[in-house]
């Protein structure tokens, strides 16, 4: 007897890139400061981790969470964290390059 796999549904983006679209001179986009953009990205990474933790807890307690949903949630959290670390590394590298410049 086979058990059908339930639908995964709509997969949300790990990080939203709409808020970091380039601003052209004639556009009506509001400017977003770097601090709030970084804070938003960190919040999204933390939300992915929290969702994965909740999914794991539901699976372990037998509340009907399926294993493939747990695996997908943990992979999303891992990818979001890796992306955040790569962005952090690029920011640190850019800062170090700026500090090396002679005026």
N, C-alpha and C. Protein backbone atom coordinates (compact mmCIF):
# COMPACT_ATOMS: atom_id res chain seq x y z
N UNK A 1 0.84 -1.17 0.00
CA UNK A 1 0.00 0.00 0.00
C UNK A 1 0.89 1.23 0.00
N UNK A 2 0.67 2.10 -0.94
CA UNK A 2 1.50 3.32 -1.02
C UNK A 2 0.74 4.51 -0.46
N UNK A 3 1.48 5.40 0.17
CA UNK A 3 0.90 6.62 0.73
C UNK A 3 1.32 7.77 -0.17
N UNK A 4 0.36 8.53 -0.70
CA UNK A 4 0.73 9.64 -1.59
C UNK A 4 1.46 10.74 -0.84
N UNK A 5 2.38 11.38 -1.52
CA UNK A 5 3.12 12.50 -0.94
C UNK A 5 2.28 13.76 -1.12
N UNK A 6 2.13 14.50 -0.03
CA UNK A 6 1.33 15.72 -0.11
C UNK A 6 2.08 16.81 -0.85
N UNK A 7 1.35 17.78 -1.34
CA UNK A 7 1.91 18.88 -2.11
C UNK A 7 2.80 19.76 -1.25
N UNK A 8 3.89 20.23 -1.83
CA UNK A 8 4.80 21.12 -1.12
C UNK A 8 4.21 22.51 -1.03
N UNK A 9 3.51 22.94 -2.04
CA UNK A 9 2.90 24.26 -2.03
C UNK A 9 3.85 25.31 -2.56
N UNK A 10 3.47 26.55 -2.37
CA UNK A 10 4.27 27.67 -2.86
C UNK A 10 5.50 27.83 -1.97
N UNK A 11 6.67 27.88 -2.59
CA UNK A 11 7.93 28.05 -1.87
C UNK A 11 8.28 29.53 -1.79
N UNK A 12 8.35 30.11 -0.58
CA UNK A 12 8.71 31.52 -0.46
C UNK A 12 10.19 31.74 -0.76
N UNK A 13 10.54 32.95 -1.17
CA UNK A 13 11.93 33.27 -1.43
C UNK A 13 12.69 33.30 -0.12
N UNK A 14 13.98 32.97 -0.18
CA UNK A 14 14.80 33.02 1.01
C UNK A 14 15.01 34.45 1.46
N UNK A 15 15.41 35.29 0.56
CA UNK A 15 15.60 36.70 0.85
C UNK A 15 14.93 37.50 -0.25
N UNK A 16 14.28 38.57 0.11
CA UNK A 16 13.61 39.40 -0.87
C UNK A 16 14.60 40.36 -1.50
N UNK A 17 14.68 40.35 -2.83
CA UNK A 17 15.58 41.25 -3.53
C UNK A 17 14.85 42.47 -4.06
N UNK A 18 13.54 42.54 -3.88
CA UNK A 18 12.78 43.69 -4.37
C UNK A 18 13.19 44.97 -3.66
N UNK A 19 13.55 44.86 -2.39
CA UNK A 19 13.89 46.06 -1.62
C UNK A 19 15.27 46.60 -1.95
N UNK A 20 16.09 45.85 -2.69
CA UNK A 20 17.43 46.33 -3.02
C UNK A 20 17.58 46.61 -4.50
N UNK A 21 16.46 46.84 -5.19
CA UNK A 21 16.52 47.16 -6.61
C UNK A 21 17.18 48.52 -6.78
N UNK A 22 17.94 48.70 -7.86
CA UNK A 22 18.64 49.98 -8.06
C UNK A 22 17.66 51.12 -8.26
N UNK A 23 18.04 52.28 -7.77
CA UNK A 23 17.20 53.46 -7.88
C UNK A 23 17.70 54.29 -9.05
N UNK A 24 16.82 54.55 -10.01
CA UNK A 24 17.18 55.38 -11.14
C UNK A 24 16.82 56.82 -10.84
N UNK A 25 17.46 57.80 -11.50
CA UNK A 25 17.22 59.20 -11.16
C UNK A 25 15.76 59.63 -11.22
N UNK A 26 14.95 59.14 -12.14
CA UNK A 26 13.57 59.57 -12.27
C UNK A 26 12.57 58.71 -11.53
N UNK A 27 13.03 57.72 -10.79
CA UNK A 27 12.09 56.79 -10.15
C UNK A 27 11.53 57.36 -8.86
N UNK A 28 10.42 56.81 -8.43
CA UNK A 28 9.76 57.26 -7.22
C UNK A 28 10.03 56.34 -6.04
N UNK A 29 11.07 55.48 -6.12
CA UNK A 29 11.39 54.54 -5.05
C UNK A 29 11.88 55.29 -3.81
N UNK A 30 11.43 54.82 -2.64
CA UNK A 30 11.94 55.39 -1.40
C UNK A 30 13.34 54.82 -1.17
N UNK A 31 14.21 55.65 -0.66
CA UNK A 31 15.56 55.16 -0.37
C UNK A 31 15.52 54.41 0.95
N UNK A 32 16.27 53.32 1.02
CA UNK A 32 16.34 52.50 2.20
C UNK A 32 17.78 52.54 2.69
N UNK A 33 17.96 52.85 3.96
CA UNK A 33 19.33 52.91 4.45
C UNK A 33 19.89 51.50 4.65
N UNK A 34 21.20 51.43 4.66
CA UNK A 34 21.89 50.14 4.71
C UNK A 34 21.57 49.38 5.98
N UNK A 35 21.48 50.08 7.09
CA UNK A 35 21.21 49.42 8.37
C UNK A 35 19.87 48.70 8.40
N UNK A 36 18.83 49.36 7.88
CA UNK A 36 17.51 48.72 7.89
C UNK A 36 17.45 47.57 6.91
N UNK A 37 18.17 47.69 5.79
CA UNK A 37 18.23 46.60 4.82
C UNK A 37 18.92 45.38 5.42
N UNK A 38 20.02 45.61 6.12
CA UNK A 38 20.74 44.52 6.76
C UNK A 38 19.91 43.89 7.87
N UNK A 39 19.24 44.73 8.64
CA UNK A 39 18.38 44.23 9.71
C UNK A 39 17.25 43.37 9.16
N UNK A 40 16.67 43.79 8.06
CA UNK A 40 15.60 43.03 7.42
C UNK A 40 16.10 41.67 6.94
N UNK A 41 17.28 41.64 6.34
CA UNK A 41 17.85 40.38 5.86
C UNK A 41 18.12 39.42 7.01
N UNK A 42 18.65 39.95 8.12
CA UNK A 42 18.92 39.11 9.29
C UNK A 42 17.62 38.57 9.87
N UNK A 43 16.58 39.39 9.88
CA UNK A 43 15.28 38.96 10.39
C UNK A 43 14.72 37.82 9.53
N UNK A 44 14.89 37.92 8.21
CA UNK A 44 14.40 36.87 7.32
C UNK A 44 15.17 35.56 7.53
N UNK A 45 16.48 35.64 7.75
CA UNK A 45 17.27 34.44 8.02
C UNK A 45 16.83 33.81 9.33
N UNK A 46 16.60 34.64 10.34
CA UNK A 46 16.15 34.14 11.63
C UNK A 46 14.76 33.50 11.52
N UNK A 47 13.90 34.07 10.69
CA UNK A 47 12.56 33.49 10.50
C UNK A 47 12.66 32.10 9.86
N UNK A 48 13.57 31.93 8.91
CA UNK A 48 13.76 30.62 8.28
C UNK A 48 14.25 29.60 9.32
N UNK A 49 15.17 30.02 10.19
CA UNK A 49 15.68 29.12 11.22
C UNK A 49 14.58 28.74 12.20
N UNK A 50 13.78 29.73 12.59
CA UNK A 50 12.69 29.48 13.53
C UNK A 50 11.65 28.53 12.93
N UNK A 51 11.34 28.72 11.64
CA UNK A 51 10.39 27.84 10.97
C UNK A 51 10.94 26.40 10.92
N UNK A 52 12.23 26.26 10.65
CA UNK A 52 12.83 24.92 10.61
C UNK A 52 12.79 24.27 11.99
N UNK A 53 13.07 25.04 13.05
CA UNK A 53 13.01 24.50 14.41
C UNK A 53 11.60 24.03 14.77
N UNK A 54 10.61 24.84 14.40
CA UNK A 54 9.22 24.46 14.68
C UNK A 54 8.84 23.20 13.92
N UNK A 55 9.29 23.10 12.68
CA UNK A 55 8.99 21.93 11.87
C UNK A 55 9.61 20.68 12.48
N UNK A 56 10.83 20.79 12.94
CA UNK A 56 11.51 19.65 13.58
C UNK A 56 10.76 19.23 14.84
N UNK A 57 10.38 20.21 15.66
CA UNK A 57 9.67 19.89 16.90
C UNK A 57 8.32 19.22 16.64
N UNK A 58 7.60 19.70 15.61
CA UNK A 58 6.32 19.05 15.27
C UNK A 58 6.55 17.62 14.79
N UNK A 59 7.61 17.40 14.03
CA UNK A 59 7.91 16.05 13.53
C UNK A 59 8.25 15.11 14.69
N UNK A 60 9.12 15.59 15.59
CA UNK A 60 9.56 14.75 16.70
C UNK A 60 8.44 14.46 17.71
N UNK A 61 7.50 15.38 17.83
CA UNK A 61 6.41 15.15 18.78
C UNK A 61 5.24 14.39 18.16
N UNK A 62 5.34 14.08 16.85
CA UNK A 62 4.31 13.28 16.20
C UNK A 62 3.06 14.06 15.86
N UNK A 63 3.17 15.34 15.59
CA UNK A 63 2.01 16.17 15.30
C UNK A 63 1.65 16.20 13.82
N UNK A 64 2.06 15.20 13.08
CA UNK A 64 1.64 15.09 11.68
C UNK A 64 2.56 15.76 10.68
N UNK A 65 3.69 16.26 11.12
CA UNK A 65 4.65 16.87 10.20
C UNK A 65 5.36 15.76 9.42
N UNK A 66 5.44 15.94 8.11
CA UNK A 66 6.07 14.92 7.28
C UNK A 66 7.56 15.17 7.14
N UNK A 67 8.31 14.09 6.97
CA UNK A 67 9.76 14.17 6.95
C UNK A 67 10.27 15.05 5.81
N UNK A 68 9.65 14.97 4.64
CA UNK A 68 10.15 15.78 3.53
C UNK A 68 9.96 17.27 3.79
N UNK A 69 8.89 17.64 4.52
CA UNK A 69 8.71 19.05 4.88
C UNK A 69 9.77 19.52 5.86
N UNK A 70 10.17 18.64 6.76
CA UNK A 70 11.23 18.97 7.71
C UNK A 70 12.55 19.15 6.97
N UNK A 71 12.84 18.26 6.03
CA UNK A 71 14.08 18.36 5.26
C UNK A 71 14.11 19.65 4.44
N UNK A 72 13.01 20.00 3.83
CA UNK A 72 12.95 21.22 3.02
C UNK A 72 13.13 22.45 3.91
N UNK A 73 12.48 22.48 5.05
CA UNK A 73 12.60 23.63 5.95
C UNK A 73 14.02 23.79 6.46
N UNK A 74 14.67 22.69 6.81
CA UNK A 74 16.05 22.79 7.31
C UNK A 74 17.01 23.19 6.19
N UNK A 75 16.78 22.72 4.98
CA UNK A 75 17.63 23.12 3.86
C UNK A 75 17.45 24.60 3.54
N UNK A 76 16.22 25.08 3.59
CA UNK A 76 15.98 26.51 3.36
C UNK A 76 16.71 27.35 4.40
N UNK A 77 16.63 26.93 5.66
CA UNK A 77 17.31 27.67 6.73
C UNK A 77 18.82 27.63 6.53
N UNK A 78 19.35 26.49 6.11
CA UNK A 78 20.79 26.36 5.87
C UNK A 78 21.24 27.24 4.71
N UNK A 79 20.47 27.25 3.64
CA UNK A 79 20.82 28.07 2.47
C UNK A 79 20.73 29.55 2.82
N UNK A 80 19.70 29.94 3.56
CA UNK A 80 19.56 31.35 3.96
C UNK A 80 20.73 31.78 4.84
N UNK A 81 21.16 30.90 5.75
CA UNK A 81 22.30 31.22 6.61
C UNK A 81 23.58 31.33 5.78
N UNK A 82 23.79 30.39 4.87
CA UNK A 82 24.97 30.45 4.01
C UNK A 82 25.00 31.71 3.17
N UNK A 83 23.85 32.10 2.62
CA UNK A 83 23.76 33.33 1.85
C UNK A 83 24.08 34.53 2.73
N UNK A 84 23.56 34.55 3.94
CA UNK A 84 23.87 35.64 4.87
C UNK A 84 25.35 35.71 5.20
N UNK A 85 25.98 34.57 5.37
CA UNK A 85 27.43 34.56 5.65
C UNK A 85 28.22 35.05 4.46
N UNK A 86 27.82 34.69 3.26
CA UNK A 86 28.53 35.16 2.07
C UNK A 86 28.38 36.67 1.90
N UNK A 87 27.19 37.19 2.19
CA UNK A 87 26.99 38.63 2.13
C UNK A 87 27.84 39.33 3.18
N UNK A 88 27.88 38.76 4.38
CA UNK A 88 28.73 39.31 5.44
C UNK A 88 30.18 39.33 5.01
N UNK A 89 30.66 38.24 4.41
CA UNK A 89 32.04 38.17 3.97
C UNK A 89 32.35 39.22 2.92
N UNK A 90 31.42 39.45 2.00
CA UNK A 90 31.61 40.47 0.96
C UNK A 90 31.64 41.87 1.58
N UNK A 91 30.80 42.12 2.56
CA UNK A 91 30.78 43.42 3.22
C UNK A 91 32.09 43.66 3.96
N UNK A 92 32.57 42.66 4.68
CA UNK A 92 33.84 42.80 5.40
C UNK A 92 34.98 43.00 4.41
N UNK A 93 34.98 42.27 3.32
CA UNK A 93 36.02 42.42 2.30
C UNK A 93 36.00 43.82 1.69
N UNK A 94 34.82 44.33 1.40
CA UNK A 94 34.71 45.68 0.83
C UNK A 94 35.20 46.72 1.84
N UNK A 95 34.86 46.55 3.10
CA UNK A 95 35.32 47.47 4.14
C UNK A 95 36.84 47.46 4.24
N UNK A 96 37.43 46.26 4.20
CA UNK A 96 38.89 46.15 4.29
C UNK A 96 39.56 46.81 3.10
N UNK A 97 38.97 46.67 1.91
CA UNK A 97 39.52 47.31 0.72
C UNK A 97 39.45 48.82 0.83
N UNK A 98 38.36 49.34 1.35
CA UNK A 98 38.22 50.78 1.53
C UNK A 98 39.25 51.28 2.54
N UNK A 99 39.47 50.53 3.59
CA UNK A 99 40.44 50.95 4.61
C UNK A 99 41.87 50.93 4.08
N UNK A 100 42.15 50.15 3.06
CA UNK A 100 43.49 50.08 2.48
C UNK A 100 43.77 51.25 1.53
N UNK A 101 42.71 51.92 1.09
CA UNK A 101 42.90 53.03 0.14
C UNK A 101 43.63 54.19 0.80
N UNK A 102 44.52 54.77 0.03
CA UNK A 102 45.25 55.95 0.50
C UNK A 102 44.58 57.20 -0.05
N UNK A 103 44.46 58.18 0.82
CA UNK A 103 43.84 59.43 0.41
C UNK A 103 44.85 60.43 -0.04
